[in-house]
């Protein structure tokens, strides 16, 4: 999969890294979901998924990844191996439900969800 390849000699700002990281997560999680659904269709003779079911499964995958990012940003637990909190915040900026009502550092809050605009 080529979603992780960076174009050569592109100067990236700190916030740009978060945007690029979100793009990679979006592509890889979507491709993985398509692969799982296709396997379910072929192996288990599953009929077609409804649009609502596809949306629910995609949102679940994105929320799972966002929660994992929040857990991996714990400096006390992971020390030097922790993901920088700023990277997590910029990665998910603009993709959260009710983002304007969240604290500045929402990584420790429960109930933060990725949402879709219809």
Foldseek 3Di string as FASTA:
>chain_A
DCLPDDDPPDDADLLRLLQSVLSSLLVVLLVVLVVVVVCCCVVVVDDDDDPVVSVVVSQVSVFVVLLVLLVQQPCVVQPPRRDPQSSSCSNCPPQWDPVVPADPRCSPPPPIGGDDDD
